[in-house]
Amino acid sequence: MTEERLPLAELLAKAGDGDFLRCVAEAVVQLLMETDVEGLIGAGRHERSGERTTYRNGYRDRTLDTRLGALQLRIPKLRQGSYFPPFLEPRRTSEKALVAVIQEAWVGGVSTRRVDDLVQAMGLSGIGKSTVSKLCKDIDDRVNAFLDRPLAGEWPYLWLDATYLKQREGGRIVSVAAIIAVAANTEGRREIVGLHIGPSEAETFWSTFLKSMLRRGLRGVKLVISDAHEGLKAAIRRVMGASWQRCRVHWMRNALSYVPKGQQSMVSAALRQGFIQPDRAGAAQTLRHVADQLRPKWPKLGDFIDNSETDVLAHMDFPAQHRTKIHSTNPLERLNKMGYPAGALGRPLGHLA
């Protein structure tokens, strides 16, 4: 991967499965510490060796705050001497390398080069190629098992979010689309239910992704929430048979692009009147009225409202107590990027039955 801002890792975190991300990160760091201690001692656990200098003496708990959440680590203790992981020292810049390893695992497998970079950034020594290979396999196995897990129960709401990444293929850098799918089950719990990497966002791309989740057991989807993608809309009709909600936040940005900046606050306030109505009929009537009022001055805005009203009001067909969470992809984006508080993930949506 060549993208410096680690957008996929941020996307995964805000999508709500930070528990899984933290578990993978904890396993990576713990294995590196165990290997580092073996090099310091001169022998592995329970190994008889003439080069042994001391023995282990249990663990002490330590929390490491990262953008992936708080990692709960077990620092090895020694009978003689002490061990303090160098990556816990102040100003150690190992966190970015750790996040890069986790991100690369999602995109298509961890490279030994990336793990070598992590080892160097953490200030560890004596980490051989066999340990690096073992760590790569462990991360890949965990991620693949998570992404291929069966999906049980019904998932009435499905959010889709995307980002573009730079990836090296055949010696050149190409742009690929990374799609994250997050669903809420009937108990109101959100989970990442899919990740797909592809060269574009054409209908075939979306159809392949949606079909893969159906094969794993995704069922009961009634509403898909995303930004406006023509390929996705067609794929939803063909594959899911569900309604589509155009993200209201992105819709508002698109609408205001037809208006001079000095008038955007007024237009935004007028458009929001449609979204505070108690039912879909009232909302549609209000938006049409606003469109007619604004059309003489901004005809393109009026046409935009006419053509997109059905899609942006789809959530109004669902229970009122759910609408604030299903009218846009914003519930995902509101989780602080790579720094959300403990307990913010897996947040229930409210009983959906």
Protein backbone atom coordinates (compact mmCIF):
# COMPACT_ATOMS: atom_id res chain seq x y z
CA MET A 1 0.00 0.00 0.00
CA THR A 2 1.21 3.51 -0.72
CA GLU A 3 -1.55 5.64 0.75
CA GLU A 4 -0.10 7.58 3.68
CA ARG A 5 -3.35 8.56 5.41
CA LEU A 6 -4.42 4.93 5.98
CA PRO A 7 -7.98 5.59 4.78
CA LEU A 8 -9.07 1.95 4.88
CA ALA A 9 -8.08 1.53 8.51
CA GLU A 10 -10.02 4.70 9.34
CA LEU A 11 -12.99 3.38 7.39
CA LEU A 12 -12.90 0.07 9.26
CA ALA A 13 -12.73 1.83 12.59
CA LYS A 14 -15.62 4.18 11.95
CA ALA A 15 -17.64 1.27 10.54
CA GLY A 16 -17.88 -0.14 14.00
CA ASP A 17 -15.84 -3.32 14.35
CA GLY A 18 -13.04 -1.89 16.44
CA ASP A 19 -13.20 -4.89 18.77
CA PHE A 20 -11.92 -7.09 15.97
CA LEU A 21 -9.29 -4.56 14.91
CA ARG A 22 -8.04 -4.29 18.47
CA CYS A 23 -7.84 -8.07 18.83
CA VAL A 24 -5.68 -8.37 15.71
CA ALA A 25 -3.43 -5.51 16.84
CA GLU A 26 -3.07 -7.00 20.32
CA ALA A 27 -2.11 -10.38 18.86
CA VAL A 28 0.52 -8.76 16.62
CA VAL A 29 2.12 -6.77 19.43
CA GLN A 30 1.98 -9.67 21.90
CA LEU A 31 3.72 -12.07 19.50
CA LEU A 32 6.46 -9.51 18.82
CA MET A 33 7.01 -8.98 22.55
CA GLU A 34 7.20 -12.72 23.23
CA THR A 35 9.79 -13.14 20.48
CA ASP A 36 11.78 -10.15 21.71
CA VAL A 37 11.89 -11.60 25.23
CA GLU A 38 13.04 -14.98 23.92
CA GLY A 39 15.99 -13.22 22.28
CA LEU A 40 16.77 -11.38 25.53
CA ILE A 41 16.60 -14.56 27.63
CA GLY A 42 18.43 -16.71 25.11
CA ALA A 43 15.79 -19.43 25.03
CA GLY A 44 12.16 -20.01 24.22
CA ARG A 45 9.43 -20.86 26.72
CA HIS A 46 10.22 -24.19 28.49
CA GLU A 47 13.31 -24.60 26.28
CA ARG A 48 16.50 -26.08 27.73
CA SER A 49 19.47 -24.07 26.51
CA GLY A 50 22.98 -23.37 27.68
CA GLU A 51 22.55 -19.80 26.45
CA ARG A 52 19.65 -19.07 28.82
CA THR A 53 20.37 -16.09 31.08
CA THR A 54 17.18 -16.03 33.19
CA TYR A 55 13.59 -17.26 33.34
CA ARG A 56 10.17 -15.75 32.86
CA ASN A 57 8.21 -14.69 35.90
CA GLY A 58 4.63 -14.06 34.77
CA TYR A 59 3.21 -10.88 33.26
CA ARG A 60 2.14 -7.39 34.17
CA ASP A 61 -0.79 -5.70 32.46
CA ARG A 62 -0.34 -2.51 30.48
CA THR A 63 -2.71 -0.49 28.29
CA LEU A 64 -1.46 1.05 25.07
CA ASP A 65 -3.70 3.76 23.58
CA THR A 66 -3.73 3.75 19.77
CA ARG A 67 -5.94 4.90 16.91
CA LEU A 68 -7.26 1.32 16.85
CA GLY A 69 -8.41 1.68 20.44
CA ALA A 70 -6.86 0.74 23.78
CA LEU A 71 -4.71 -2.40 23.43
CA GLN A 72 -4.63 -4.58 26.55
CA LEU A 73 -1.07 -5.95 26.65
CA ARG A 74 0.64 -8.48 28.91
CA ILE A 75 4.25 -7.42 29.43
CA PRO A 76 6.53 -10.40 30.23
CA LYS A 77 8.35 -10.24 33.58
CA LEU A 78 11.75 -11.82 34.29
CA ARG A 79 13.14 -13.43 37.46
CA GLN A 80 16.36 -11.47 37.09
CA GLY A 81 16.54 -8.13 35.37
CA SER A 82 13.58 -6.50 33.67
CA TYR A 83 11.95 -6.17 30.28
CA PHE A 84 10.33 -3.01 28.99
CA PRO A 85 9.14 -2.98 25.36
CA PRO A 86 10.88 -0.15 23.50
CA PHE A 87 7.70 0.73 21.61
CA LEU A 88 6.17 1.92 24.89
CA GLU A 89 8.80 4.61 25.21
CA PRO A 90 7.59 8.19 24.68
CA ARG A 91 7.73 9.52 21.12
CA ARG A 92 8.11 6.05 19.62
CA THR A 93 6.51 6.26 16.14
CA SER A 94 5.38 2.64 15.90
CA GLU A 95 1.62 3.19 15.84
CA LYS A 96 1.43 4.19 12.18
CA ALA A 97 3.40 1.08 11.19
CA LEU A 98 1.06 -1.11 13.26
CA VAL A 99 -2.04 0.39 11.62
CA ALA A 100 -0.42 -0.07 8.20
CA VAL A 101 0.04 -3.79 8.87
CA ILE A 102 -3.61 -4.19 9.88
CA GLN A 103 -4.79 -2.24 6.82
CA GLU A 104 -2.68 -4.25 4.41
CA ALA A 105 -4.16 -7.48 5.79
CA TRP A 106 -7.64 -6.35 4.73
CA VAL A 107 -6.55 -5.36 1.24
CA GLY A 108 -4.99 -8.62 0.20
CA GLY A 109 -2.49 -10.11 2.62
CA VAL A 110 0.34 -8.80 4.73
CA SER A 111 3.80 -8.53 3.17
CA THR A 112 6.94 -9.43 5.08
CA ARG A 113 8.32 -6.01 4.13
CA ARG A 114 5.47 -4.29 5.95
CA VAL A 115 6.04 -6.41 9.08
CA ASP A 116 9.78 -5.69 8.89
CA ASP A 117 8.92 -1.98 8.87
CA LEU A 118 6.76 -2.53 11.95
CA VAL A 119 9.56 -4.36 13.78
CA GLN A 120 11.99 -1.56 13.05
CA ALA A 121 9.51 1.14 14.10
CA MET A 122 8.87 -0.68 17.38
CA GLY A 123 12.58 -0.76 18.15
CA LEU A 124 12.65 -4.55 18.49
CA SER A 125 15.69 -6.65 17.69
CA GLY A 126 16.29 -10.29 17.04
CA ILE A 127 13.05 -10.82 15.10
CA GLY A 128 13.92 -13.39 12.44
CA LYS A 129 12.31 -14.20 9.10
CA SER A 130 10.49 -17.22 10.54
CA THR A 131 8.76 -15.02 13.13
CA VAL A 132 7.81 -12.48 10.47
CA SER A 133 6.31 -15.24 8.31
CA LYS A 134 4.43 -16.65 11.29
CA LEU A 135 3.04 -13.23 12.11
CA CYS A 136 1.96 -12.62 8.51
CA LYS A 137 0.09 -15.93 8.42
CA ASP A 138 -1.55 -15.28 11.79
CA ILE A 139 -2.88 -11.87 10.70
CA ASP A 140 -4.08 -13.13 7.32
CA ASP A 141 -5.84 -16.10 8.94
CA ARG A 142 -7.64 -13.88 11.43
CA VAL A 143 -8.80 -11.39 8.80
CA ASN A 144 -9.90 -14.04 6.30
CA ALA A 145 -11.84 -15.93 8.97
CA PHE A 146 -13.60 -12.72 9.96
CA LEU A 147 -14.49 -11.72 6.40
CA ASP A 148 -15.69 -15.20 5.44
CA ARG A 149 -17.68 -15.92 8.59
CA PRO A 150 -21.31 -17.09 8.17
CA LEU A 151 -23.99 -14.47 8.81
CA ALA A 152 -26.97 -15.62 10.88
CA GLY A 153 -30.32 -13.96 11.48
CA GLU A 154 -31.89 -11.04 9.63
CA TRP A 155 -30.20 -7.73 8.84
CA PRO A 156 -32.85 -5.15 7.87
CA TYR A 157 -30.46 -2.21 7.40
CA LEU A 158 -27.28 -2.24 5.34
CA TRP A 159 -24.86 0.72 5.07
CA LEU A 160 -22.21 0.88 2.37
CA ASP A 161 -19.22 3.19 2.50
CA ALA A 162 -16.22 3.40 0.20
CA THR A 163 -12.78 4.86 -0.26
CA TYR A 164 -10.10 4.70 -2.93
CA LEU A 165 -6.65 3.32 -2.18
CA LYS A 166 -3.35 3.19 -4.00
CA GLN A 167 -2.08 -0.37 -4.47
CA ARG A 168 1.01 -1.78 -6.14
CA GLU A 169 0.20 -4.33 -8.85
CA GLY A 170 2.74 -5.74 -11.27
CA GLY A 171 5.29 -3.09 -10.46
CA ARG A 172 2.94 -0.12 -10.93
CA ILE A 173 0.63 1.87 -8.68
CA VAL A 174 -3.09 1.57 -9.39
CA SER A 175 -6.20 2.96 -7.74
CA VAL A 176 -8.65 0.45 -6.26
CA ALA A 177 -12.04 0.87 -4.63
CA ALA A 178 -12.45 -0.48 -1.10
CA ILE A 179 -16.06 -1.05 -0.06
CA ILE A 180 -17.13 -1.62 3.53
CA ALA A 181 -20.56 -3.09 4.32
CA VAL A 182 -22.02 -2.60 7.79
CA ALA A 183 -25.38 -4.10 8.75
CA ALA A 184 -27.69 -3.87 11.74
CA ASN A 185 -29.52 -6.99 12.88
CA THR A 186 -32.98 -7.15 14.43
CA GLU A 187 -31.43 -6.68 17.89
CA GLY A 188 -29.95 -3.39 16.75
CA ARG A 189 -26.29 -4.39 16.75
CA ARG A 190 -24.05 -3.13 13.93
CA GLU A 191 -21.30 -5.30 12.48
CA ILE A 192 -18.97 -5.19 9.52
CA VAL A 193 -20.42 -7.88 7.26
CA GLY A 194 -18.22 -7.46 4.19
CA LEU A 195 -15.21 -5.88 2.54
CA HIS A 196 -14.51 -5.90 -1.18
CA ILE A 197 -11.59 -4.53 -3.17
CA GLY A 198 -11.92 -3.90 -6.90
CA PRO A 199 -10.74 -1.73 -9.79
CA SER A 200 -13.96 0.29 -10.13
CA GLU A 201 -17.47 0.84 -8.82
CA ALA A 202 -19.34 -0.51 -11.86
CA GLU A 203 -22.52 -2.54 -11.46
CA THR A 204 -20.64 -5.83 -11.83
CA PHE A 205 -18.39 -4.82 -8.93
CA TRP A 206 -21.35 -4.12 -6.65
CA SER A 207 -23.28 -7.21 -7.78
CA THR A 208 -20.33 -9.50 -7.03
CA PHE A 209 -19.95 -7.95 -3.59
CA LEU A 210 -23.64 -8.18 -2.69
CA LYS A 211 -23.93 -11.76 -3.95
CA SER A 212 -20.92 -12.81 -1.85
CA MET A 213 -22.67 -11.57 1.30
CA LEU A 214 -25.89 -13.34 0.37
CA ARG A 215 -23.98 -16.61 -0.01
CA ARG A 216 -22.65 -16.16 3.52
CA GLY A 217 -26.17 -15.79 4.90
CA LEU A 218 -27.02 -12.09 4.69
CA ARG A 219 -30.81 -11.95 4.51
CA GLY A 220 -33.76 -9.81 5.48
CA VAL A 221 -32.27 -6.58 4.07
CA LYS A 222 -35.02 -3.99 3.66
CA LEU A 223 -33.03 -0.78 3.18
CA VAL A 224 -29.56 -0.07 1.79
CA ILE A 225 -28.01 3.29 2.71
CA SER A 226 -25.16 4.73 0.66
CA ASP A 227 -23.98 7.63 -1.45
CA ALA A 228 -25.34 7.90 -5.00
CA HIS A 229 -23.69 5.26 -7.19
CA GLU A 230 -25.53 4.33 -10.38
CA GLY A 231 -23.94 0.89 -10.47
CA LEU A 232 -24.94 0.25 -6.88
CA LYS A 233 -28.56 1.27 -7.44
CA ALA A 234 -28.86 -1.21 -10.30
CA ALA A 235 -27.15 -3.95 -8.29
CA ILE A 236 -29.51 -3.44 -5.35
CA ARG A 237 -32.53 -3.87 -7.59
CA ARG A 238 -31.13 -6.98 -9.27
CA VAL A 239 -29.50 -8.71 -6.28
CA MET A 240 -31.06 -7.48 -3.04
CA GLY A 241 -34.61 -6.50 -3.94
CA ALA A 242 -34.39 -3.85 -1.20
CA SER A 243 -35.15 -0.13 -1.05
CA TRP A 244 -32.32 2.35 -1.45
CA GLN A 245 -31.76 5.41 0.73
CA ARG A 246 -29.56 8.07 -0.78
CA CYS A 247 -27.33 9.43 1.96
CA ARG A 248 -29.06 12.63 3.06
CA VAL A 249 -25.83 14.35 4.07
CA HIS A 250 -24.30 13.82 0.63
CA TRP A 251 -27.61 14.74 -0.99
CA MET A 252 -27.60 18.11 0.80
CA ARG A 253 -24.03 18.80 -0.35
CA ASN A 254 -25.02 17.98 -3.91
CA ALA A 255 -28.06 20.25 -3.69
CA LEU A 256 -26.09 23.19 -2.34
CA SER A 257 -23.54 22.89 -5.14
CA TYR A 258 -26.18 24.51 -7.41
CA VAL A 259 -26.37 27.58 -5.16
CA PRO A 260 -23.87 30.45 -4.58
CA LYS A 261 -22.14 30.22 -1.20
CA GLY A 262 -23.82 33.35 0.09
CA GLN A 263 -27.25 31.76 -0.35
CA GLN A 264 -26.47 28.25 0.86
CA SER A 265 -27.52 28.77 4.50
CA MET A 266 -30.97 29.96 3.44
CA VAL A 267 -31.45 27.12 0.95
CA SER A 268 -30.21 24.53 3.43
CA ALA A 269 -32.71 25.72 6.04
CA ALA A 270 -35.54 25.53 3.50
CA LEU A 271 -34.61 22.00 2.42
CA ARG A 272 -34.36 20.78 6.03
CA GLN A 273 -38.02 21.65 6.50
CA GLY A 274 -38.84 18.62 4.39
CA PHE A 275 -36.91 16.30 6.68
CA ILE A 276 -38.67 17.31 9.89
CA GLN A 277 -42.12 16.31 8.65
CA PRO A 278 -43.78 13.41 10.50
CA ASP A 279 -44.43 11.26 7.42
CA ARG A 280 -43.28 10.72 3.86
CA ALA A 281 -46.27 12.39 2.24
CA GLY A 282 -45.67 15.59 4.20
CA ALA A 283 -41.95 15.47 3.50
CA ALA A 284 -42.48 15.00 -0.23
CA GLN A 285 -45.01 17.81 -0.39
CA THR A 286 -42.64 20.17 1.44
CA LEU A 287 -39.67 19.36 -0.80
CA ARG A 288 -41.79 19.89 -3.92
CA HIS A 289 -42.97 23.23 -2.58
CA VAL A 290 -39.38 24.29 -1.84
CA ALA A 291 -38.30 23.14 -5.31
CA ASP A 292 -41.02 25.24 -6.93
CA GLN A 293 -40.03 28.28 -4.88
CA LEU A 294 -36.35 27.99 -5.76
CA ARG A 295 -36.75 26.90 -9.37
CA PRO A 296 -37.09 30.40 -10.92
CA LYS A 297 -33.73 31.42 -9.48
CA TRP A 298 -31.91 28.06 -9.63
CA PRO A 299 -33.60 25.80 -12.18
CA LYS A 300 -30.94 23.09 -11.93
CA LEU A 301 -31.55 22.83 -8.18
CA GLY A 302 -35.28 22.46 -8.78
CA ASP A 303 -34.67 19.65 -11.26
CA PHE A 304 -32.25 17.97 -8.86
CA ILE A 305 -34.85 17.93 -6.07
CA ASP A 306 -37.50 16.56 -8.46
CA ASN A 307 -35.25 13.74 -9.66
CA SER A 308 -33.87 12.69 -6.26
CA GLU A 309 -36.81 13.22 -3.89
CA THR A 310 -37.86 9.54 -3.91
CA ASP A 311 -34.36 8.29 -3.07
CA VAL A 312 -33.62 10.76 -0.27
CA LEU A 313 -36.97 10.10 1.45
CA ALA A 314 -36.85 6.28 1.34
CA HIS A 315 -36.12 6.11 5.08
CA MET A 316 -39.49 7.71 5.82
CA ASP A 317 -41.16 4.36 5.07
CA PHE A 318 -39.51 2.86 8.15
CA PRO A 319 -40.23 3.25 11.90
CA ALA A 320 -39.85 6.81 13.14
CA GLN A 321 -37.47 5.77 15.95
CA HIS A 322 -35.00 4.40 13.36
CA ARG A 323 -34.98 7.30 10.92
CA THR A 324 -32.22 9.37 12.52
CA LYS A 325 -29.84 6.43 12.06
CA ILE A 326 -30.88 5.24 8.60
CA HIS A 327 -31.24 8.46 6.60
CA SER A 328 -27.49 8.66 5.86
CA THR A 329 -24.13 6.98 6.26
CA ASN A 330 -23.35 9.59 8.92
CA PRO A 331 -23.84 7.21 11.90
CA LEU A 332 -20.69 5.47 10.67
CA GLU A 333 -18.81 8.71 10.12
CA ARG A 334 -19.68 10.11 13.55
CA LEU A 335 -17.44 7.56 15.25
CA ASN A 336 -14.18 9.41 15.84
CA LYS A 337 -11.65 8.39 13.22
CA MET A 338 -9.23 5.94 14.82
CA GLY A 339 -9.78 7.46 18.24
CA TYR A 340 -13.30 6.64 19.40
CA PRO A 341 -13.94 6.18 23.13
CA ALA A 342 -14.27 2.77 24.70
CA GLY A 343 -17.76 1.39 24.37
CA ALA A 344 -18.62 3.40 21.27
CA LEU A 345 -18.46 0.38 19.00
CA GLY A 346 -21.19 -2.16 18.47
CA ARG A 347 -23.56 0.54 19.64
CA PRO A 348 -27.17 -0.68 19.39
CA LEU A 349 -29.49 0.98 16.95
CA GLY A 350 -32.57 0.30 18.99
CA HIS A 351 -34.73 -2.80 18.76
CA LEU A 352 -35.59 -3.36 15.11
CA ALA A 353 -38.11 -6.19 15.30
